Amino acid sequence: MSQSRMTRRSALLGVASLVATPALVRAQSTDAFPETEDAISTQLPVRRNISSFSQQNWQDHFDELGVGCLLADITSRAVHYWGPDGTYKLYPSSVPMSEELTKRGYTKVVRKTEFPSWTPTASMRERDPSLPLRMEGGDPGNPLGTRAMYLGWPAYLVHGTHDTRKIGRQSSSGCIGLYNQHVEELYPLVKVGTQVRLV
């Protein structure tokens, strides 16, 4: 790349390297924001919220680490994880499409599944009658990707996605989505009983 030509990606990475912690730089690596990215709709520009996509402290959100803590920050579209030993991970995420679909507060991980099947809710099928009644795990069209962690709230999950265009956007019907490679890294770390907060 010539010095006179700077891409959006190199500009973002340059800013990130000046203001970021190592965790942020890691989250902004090539697997976090793919080289090619199309907007879900041609009317929607690709937007990043770098200013608030930064490291958090678990003590600001939880009383103790316990078996682990997971924070989904709806505003910055990021998932923060702290293991019981203080291990910290930061990932870009998708968030619900609207405030009406967004839950906030405390819950926990109640179960986990590899290659989850997907059953659209009644409200999803009302919005889009073409949705199938059920989609098996492993299907490339399955919106839950390769791993799912179910929360204490009905039909609310942290899961992977095959549609990488959704990450960093308000694009879900209520769940928190991660790139498949990130949910696969996080999945073995998150235990059933992990505390969860959505803010």
C-alpha atoms as a PDB file:
ATOM      1  CA  MET A   1       0.000   0.000   0.000  1.00  0.00           C
ATOM      2  CA  SER A   2       1.405   3.382  -0.915  1.00  0.00           C
ATOM      3  CA  GLN A   3       1.783   6.033   1.781  1.00  0.00           C
ATOM      4  CA  SER A   4      -0.625   8.370  -0.005  1.00  0.00           C
ATOM      5  CA  ARG A   5      -3.422   5.791  -0.004  1.00  0.00           C
ATOM      6  CA  MET A   6      -4.937   4.982   3.357  1.00  0.00           C
ATOM      7  CA  THR A   7      -7.881   2.606   3.594  1.00  0.00           C
ATOM      8  CA  ARG A   8     -10.669   2.804   6.166  1.00  0.00           C
ATOM      9  CA  ARG A   9      -9.298  -0.373   7.724  1.00  0.00           C
ATOM     10  CA  SER A  10      -5.742   0.978   8.130  1.00  0.00           C
ATOM     11  CA  ALA A  11      -7.121   4.212   9.599  1.00  0.00           C
ATOM     12  CA  LEU A  12      -9.190   2.259  12.141  1.00  0.00           C
ATOM     13  CA  LEU A  13      -6.270   0.061  13.096  1.00  0.00           C
ATOM     14  CA  GLY A  14      -4.012   3.124  13.402  1.00  0.00           C
ATOM     15  CA  VAL A  15      -6.425   4.813  15.801  1.00  0.00           C
ATOM     16  CA  ALA A  16      -6.887   1.581  17.731  1.00  0.00           C
ATOM     17  CA  SER A  17      -3.149   1.165  18.217  1.00  0.00           C
ATOM     18  CA  LEU A  18      -2.885   4.656  19.706  1.00  0.00           C
ATOM     19  CA  VAL A  19      -5.746   4.384  22.198  1.00  0.00           C
ATOM     20  CA  ALA A  20      -6.256   0.676  22.689  1.00  0.00           C
ATOM     21  CA  THR A  21      -5.309  -1.862  25.286  1.00  0.00           C
ATOM     22  CA  PRO A  22      -3.791  -5.106  23.945  1.00  0.00           C
ATOM     23  CA  ALA A  23      -7.246  -6.716  24.278  1.00  0.00           C
ATOM     24  CA  LEU A  24      -8.756  -4.095  21.975  1.00  0.00           C
ATOM     25  CA  VAL A  25      -6.034  -4.510  19.374  1.00  0.00           C
ATOM     26  CA  ARG A  26      -6.578  -8.261  19.532  1.00  0.00           C
ATOM     27  CA  ALA A  27     -10.328  -7.773  19.018  1.00  0.00           C
ATOM     28  CA  GLN A  28      -9.610  -5.555  16.006  1.00  0.00           C
ATOM     29  CA  SER A  29      -7.413  -8.136  14.287  1.00  0.00           C
ATOM     30  CA  THR A  30      -8.292  -9.451  10.834  1.00  0.00           C
ATOM     31  CA  ASP A  31     -10.617 -12.126  12.235  1.00  0.00           C
ATOM     32  CA  ALA A  32     -12.585  -9.521  14.212  1.00  0.00           C
ATOM     33  CA  PHE A  33     -13.372  -7.226  11.264  1.00  0.00           C
ATOM     34  CA  PRO A  34     -13.099  -9.120   7.967  1.00  0.00           C
ATOM     35  CA  GLU A  35     -11.441  -7.407   4.995  1.00  0.00           C
ATOM     36  CA  THR A  36     -14.626  -7.503   2.908  1.00  0.00           C
ATOM     37  CA  GLU A  37     -17.837  -6.425   4.550  1.00  0.00           C
ATOM     38  CA  ASP A  38     -21.092  -5.561   2.830  1.00  0.00           C
ATOM     39  CA  ALA A  39     -23.809  -3.573   4.539  1.00  0.00           C
ATOM     40  CA  ILE A  40     -26.917  -5.627   5.320  1.00  0.00           C
ATOM     41  CA  SER A  41     -28.892  -2.992   3.444  1.00  0.00           C
ATOM     42  CA  THR A  42     -27.500  -0.653   0.838  1.00  0.00           C
ATOM     43  CA  GLN A  43     -29.054   2.204   2.814  1.00  0.00           C
ATOM     44  CA  LEU A  44     -27.131   1.303   5.981  1.00  0.00           C
ATOM     45  CA  PRO A  45     -23.520   2.513   6.227  1.00  0.00           C
ATOM     46  CA  VAL A  46     -20.964   0.411   8.078  1.00  0.00           C
ATOM     47  CA  ARG A  47     -20.420   2.021  11.482  1.00  0.00           C
ATOM     48  CA  ARG A  48     -17.902   1.362  14.212  1.00  0.00           C
ATOM     49  CA  ASN A  49     -17.976   2.630  17.759  1.00  0.00           C
ATOM     50  CA  ILE A  50     -14.251   2.563  18.513  1.00  0.00           C
ATOM     51  CA  SER A  51     -14.431   5.247  21.211  1.00  0.00           C
ATOM     52  CA  SER A  52     -16.449   3.056  23.572  1.00  0.00           C
ATOM     53  CA  PHE A  53     -15.084  -0.336  22.456  1.00  0.00           C
ATOM     54  CA  SER A  54     -12.565  -0.542  25.277  1.00  0.00           C
ATOM     55  CA  GLN A  55     -11.600  -2.687  28.228  1.00  0.00           C
ATOM     56  CA  GLN A  56     -13.952  -2.779  31.229  1.00  0.00           C
ATOM     57  CA  ASN A  57     -13.399  -3.839  34.848  1.00  0.00           C
ATOM     58  CA  TRP A  58     -15.508  -6.685  36.195  1.00  0.00           C
ATOM     59  CA  GLN A  59     -15.754  -4.928  39.588  1.00  0.00           C
ATOM     60  CA  ASP A  60     -17.856  -2.199  37.943  1.00  0.00           C
ATOM     61  CA  HIS A  61     -20.568  -4.754  37.110  1.00  0.00           C
ATOM     62  CA  PHE A  62     -20.317  -7.796  39.419  1.00  0.00           C
ATOM     63  CA  ASP A  63     -19.744  -8.421  43.142  1.00  0.00           C
ATOM     64  CA  GLU A  64     -17.454 -11.415  42.548  1.00  0.00           C
ATOM     65  CA  LEU A  65     -15.980 -13.412  39.690  1.00  0.00           C
ATOM     66  CA  GLY A  66     -17.534 -16.723  40.774  1.00  0.00           C
ATOM     67  CA  VAL A  67     -17.246 -19.221  37.893  1.00  0.00           C
ATOM     68  CA  GLY A  68     -16.944 -16.274  35.503  1.00  0.00           C
ATOM     69  CA  CYS A  69     -18.680 -13.103  34.324  1.00  0.00           C
ATOM     70  CA  LEU A  70     -19.978 -12.086  30.906  1.00  0.00           C
ATOM     71  CA  LEU A  71     -20.897  -8.493  30.087  1.00  0.00           C
ATOM     72  CA  ALA A  72     -22.718  -7.621  26.855  1.00  0.00           C
ATOM     73  CA  ASP A  73     -22.456  -3.883  26.220  1.00  0.00           C
ATOM     74  CA  ILE A  74     -25.288  -2.984  23.842  1.00  0.00           C
ATOM     75  CA  THR A  75     -24.005   0.556  23.219  1.00  0.00           C
ATOM     76  CA  SER A  76     -20.461  -0.371  22.211  1.00  0.00           C
ATOM     77  CA  ARG A  77     -21.560  -3.708  20.696  1.00  0.00           C
ATOM     78  CA  ALA A  78     -18.963  -5.684  22.586  1.00  0.00           C
ATOM     79  CA  VAL A  79     -18.863  -8.779  24.808  1.00  0.00           C
ATOM     80  CA  HIS A  80     -16.481  -8.842  27.768  1.00  0.00           C
ATOM     81  CA  TYR A  81     -15.598 -12.081  29.577  1.00  0.00           C
ATOM     82  CA  TRP A  82     -13.709 -12.578  32.831  1.00  0.00           C
ATOM     83  CA  GLY A  83     -12.766 -16.079  33.931  1.00  0.00           C
ATOM     84  CA  PRO A  84     -12.654 -17.159  37.581  1.00  0.00           C
ATOM     85  CA  ASP A  85      -8.880 -16.521  37.548  1.00  0.00           C
ATOM     86  CA  GLY A  86      -9.330 -12.993  36.131  1.00  0.00           C
ATOM     87  CA  THR A  87      -8.613 -13.975  32.494  1.00  0.00           C
ATOM     88  CA  TYR A  88     -10.074 -11.263  30.262  1.00  0.00           C
ATOM     89  CA  LYS A  89     -11.454 -11.533  26.716  1.00  0.00           C
ATOM     90  CA  LEU A  90     -13.080  -8.853  24.537  1.00  0.00           C
ATOM     91  CA  TYR A  91     -15.086  -9.514  21.371  1.00  0.00           C
ATOM     92  CA  PRO A  92     -17.126  -7.402  18.915  1.00  0.00           C
ATOM     93  CA  SER A  93     -20.773  -8.447  18.797  1.00  0.00           C
ATOM     94  CA  SER A  94     -24.127  -7.918  17.160  1.00  0.00           C
ATOM     95  CA  VAL A  95     -26.952  -6.557  19.308  1.00  0.00           C
ATOM     96  CA  PRO A  96     -30.765  -6.421  19.068  1.00  0.00           C
ATOM     97  CA  MET A  97     -32.309  -4.411  16.214  1.00  0.00           C
ATOM     98  CA  SER A  98     -34.401  -2.223  18.502  1.00  0.00           C
ATOM     99  CA  GLU A  99     -34.805  -1.190  22.118  1.00  0.00           C
ATOM    100  CA  GLU A 100     -38.091  -3.123  22.169  1.00  0.00           C
ATOM    101  CA  LEU A 101     -36.155  -6.369  21.518  1.00  0.00           C
ATOM    102  CA  THR A 102     -33.384  -5.516  24.005  1.00  0.00           C
ATOM    103  CA  LYS A 103     -33.240  -6.934  27.519  1.00  0.00           C
ATOM    104  CA  ARG A 104     -31.020  -5.337  30.148  1.00  0.00           C
ATOM    105  CA  GLY A 105     -30.055  -6.520  33.574  1.00  0.00           C
ATOM    106  CA  TYR A 106     -28.604  -9.604  35.237  1.00  0.00           C
ATOM    107  CA  THR A 107     -29.072 -13.253  34.366  1.00  0.00           C
ATOM    108  CA  LYS A 108     -26.792 -16.275  33.969  1.00  0.00           C
ATOM    109  CA  VAL A 109     -25.832 -18.983  31.492  1.00  0.00           C
ATOM    110  CA  VAL A 110     -28.216 -21.904  32.061  1.00  0.00           C
ATOM    111  CA  ARG A 111     -27.067 -24.288  29.308  1.00  0.00           C
ATOM    112  CA  LYS A 112     -24.704 -24.577  26.323  1.00  0.00           C
ATOM    113  CA  THR A 113     -24.963 -26.331  22.967  1.00  0.00           C
ATOM    114  CA  GLU A 114     -22.579 -27.050  20.107  1.00  0.00           C
ATOM    115  CA  PHE A 115     -24.154 -26.733  16.643  1.00  0.00           C
ATOM    116  CA  PRO A 116     -27.517 -25.633  18.071  1.00  0.00           C
ATOM    117  CA  SER A 117     -30.780 -26.103  16.216  1.00  0.00           C
ATOM    118  CA  TRP A 118     -32.899 -22.985  15.729  1.00  0.00           C
ATOM    119  CA  THR A 119     -36.620 -22.541  16.189  1.00  0.00           C
ATOM    120  CA  PRO A 120     -37.820 -19.032  15.305  1.00  0.00           C
ATOM    121  CA  THR A 121     -40.123 -17.472  17.898  1.00  0.00           C
ATOM    122  CA  ALA A 122     -43.740 -16.610  17.044  1.00  0.00           C
ATOM    123  CA  SER A 123     -42.859 -12.902  16.830  1.00  0.00           C
ATOM    124  CA  MET A 124     -39.970 -13.646  14.410  1.00  0.00           C
ATOM    125  CA  ARG A 125     -42.320 -15.663  12.191  1.00  0.00           C
ATOM    126  CA  GLU A 126     -44.893 -12.872  12.361  1.00  0.00           C
ATOM    127  CA  ARG A 127     -42.278 -10.384  11.099  1.00  0.00           C
ATOM    128  CA  ASP A 128     -41.043 -12.844   8.454  1.00  0.00           C
ATOM    129  CA  PRO A 129     -43.527 -15.631   7.536  1.00  0.00           C
ATOM    130  CA  SER A 130     -40.955 -17.203   5.186  1.00  0.00           C
ATOM    131  CA  LEU A 131     -38.862 -18.415   8.147  1.00  0.00           C
ATOM    132  CA  PRO A 132     -38.737 -22.199   8.615  1.00  0.00           C
ATOM    133  CA  LEU A 133     -40.403 -23.828  11.619  1.00  0.00           C
ATOM    134  CA  ARG A 134     -37.016 -25.241  12.635  1.00  0.00           C
ATOM    135  CA  MET A 135     -33.464 -25.406  11.317  1.00  0.00           C
ATOM    136  CA  GLU A 136     -31.014 -28.109  12.346  1.00  0.00           C
ATOM    137  CA  GLY A 137     -27.596 -27.353  13.790  1.00  0.00           C
ATOM    138  CA  GLY A 138     -24.727 -27.343  11.313  1.00  0.00           C
ATOM    139  CA  ASP A 139     -26.868 -25.897   8.512  1.00  0.00           C
ATOM    140  CA  PRO A 140     -24.951 -22.934   7.004  1.00  0.00           C
ATOM    141  CA  GLY A 141     -28.176 -20.887   7.066  1.00  0.00           C
ATOM    142  CA  ASN A 142     -28.687 -21.453  10.794  1.00  0.00           C
ATOM    143  CA  PRO A 143     -28.461 -18.000  12.441  1.00  0.00           C
ATOM    144  CA  LEU A 144     -27.123 -19.474  15.718  1.00  0.00           C
ATOM    145  CA  GLY A 145     -23.797 -20.430  14.155  1.00  0.00           C
ATOM    146  CA  THR A 146     -21.623 -23.126  15.679  1.00  0.00           C
ATOM    147  CA  ARG A 147     -22.135 -22.563  19.432  1.00  0.00           C
ATOM    148  CA  ALA A 148     -24.865 -21.187  21.701  1.00  0.00           C
ATOM    149  CA  MET A 149     -24.978 -20.232  25.376  1.00  0.00           C
ATOM    150  CA  TYR A 150     -28.557 -19.956  26.615  1.00  0.00           C
ATOM    151  CA  LEU A 151     -29.399 -17.344  29.228  1.00  0.00           C
ATOM    152  CA  GLY A 152     -31.939 -17.440  32.043  1.00  0.00           C
ATOM    153  CA  TRP A 153     -34.299 -15.299  29.946  1.00  0.00           C
ATOM    154  CA  PRO A 154     -36.433 -17.309  27.482  1.00  0.00           C
ATOM    155  CA  ALA A 155     -35.217 -17.199  23.858  1.00  0.00           C
ATOM    156  CA  TYR A 156     -32.170 -15.070  24.759  1.00  0.00           C
ATOM    157  CA  LEU A 157     -28.724 -16.383  23.829  1.00  0.00           C
ATOM    158  CA  VAL A 158     -25.108 -15.517  23.195  1.00  0.00           C
ATOM    159  CA  HIS A 159     -24.290 -17.382  19.988  1.00  0.00           C
ATOM    160  CA  GLY A 160     -22.167 -17.511  16.865  1.00  0.00           C
ATOM    161  CA  THR A 161     -23.227 -16.438  13.398  1.00  0.00           C
ATOM    162  CA  HIS A 162     -22.383 -17.474   9.852  1.00  0.00           C
ATOM    163  CA  ASP A 163     -23.435 -14.010   8.649  1.00  0.00           C
ATOM    164  CA  THR A 164     -20.387 -11.924   9.523  1.00  0.00           C
ATOM    165  CA  ARG A 165     -22.081  -8.745   8.233  1.00  0.00           C
ATOM    166  CA  LYS A 166     -24.162  -8.675  11.431  1.00  0.00           C
ATOM    167  CA  ILE A 167     -21.265  -8.177  13.843  1.00  0.00           C
ATOM    168  CA  GLY A 168     -20.945  -4.612  15.069  1.00  0.00           C
ATOM    169  CA  ARG A 169     -24.540  -3.829  14.126  1.00  0.00           C
ATOM    170  CA  GLN A 170     -28.053  -3.738  15.515  1.00  0.00           C
ATOM    171  CA  SER A 171     -29.057  -6.850  13.617  1.00  0.00           C
ATOM    172  CA  SER A 172     -30.510  -9.508  15.937  1.00  0.00           C
ATOM    173  CA  SER A 173     -34.000 -10.309  17.164  1.00  0.00           C
ATOM    174  CA  GLY A 174     -32.807 -10.111  20.753  1.00  0.00           C
ATOM    175  CA  CYS A 175     -29.679 -12.234  21.036  1.00  0.00           C
ATOM    176  CA  ILE A 176     -26.010 -11.288  21.263  1.00  0.00           C
ATOM    177  CA  GLY A 177     -24.072 -12.623  18.268  1.00  0.00           C
ATOM    178  CA  LEU A 178     -20.355 -13.302  17.865  1.00  0.00           C
ATOM    179  CA  TYR A 179     -18.155 -14.406  14.979  1.00  0.00           C
ATOM    180  CA  ASN A 180     -18.062 -18.217  14.975  1.00  0.00           C
ATOM    181  CA  GLN A 181     -14.315 -18.258  15.664  1.00  0.00           C
ATOM    182  CA  HIS A 182     -14.861 -16.048  18.727  1.00  0.00           C
ATOM    183  CA  VAL A 183     -17.797 -18.020  20.147  1.00  0.00           C
ATOM    184  CA  GLU A 184     -15.743 -21.207  19.669  1.00  0.00           C
ATOM    185  CA  GLU A 185     -12.904 -19.647  21.705  1.00  0.00           C
ATOM    186  CA  LEU A 186     -15.288 -18.413  24.404  1.00  0.00           C
ATOM    187  CA  TYR A 187     -17.508 -21.501  24.617  1.00  0.00           C
ATOM    188  CA  PRO A 188     -15.162 -23.804  26.580  1.00  0.00           C
ATOM    189  CA  LEU A 189     -14.315 -20.968  28.999  1.00  0.00           C
ATOM    190  CA  VAL A 190     -17.917 -20.121  29.901  1.00  0.00           C
ATOM    191  CA  LYS A 191     -19.389 -22.494  32.470  1.00  0.00           C
ATOM    192  CA  VAL A 192     -23.066 -23.072  33.190  1.00  0.00           C
ATOM    193  CA  GLY A 193     -23.780 -20.634  36.013  1.00  0.00           C
ATOM    194  CA  THR A 194     -21.587 -17.849  34.588  1.00  0.00           C
ATOM    195  CA  GLN A 195     -23.012 -14.480  35.633  1.00  0.00           C
ATOM    196  CA  VAL A 196     -24.283 -12.340  32.755  1.00  0.00           C
ATOM    197  CA  ARG A 197     -25.125  -8.662  32.572  1.00  0.00           C
ATOM    198  CA  LEU A 198     -26.534  -6.764  29.594  1.00  0.00           C
ATOM    199  CA  VAL A 199     -26.107  -2.994  29.772  1.00  0.00           C
END
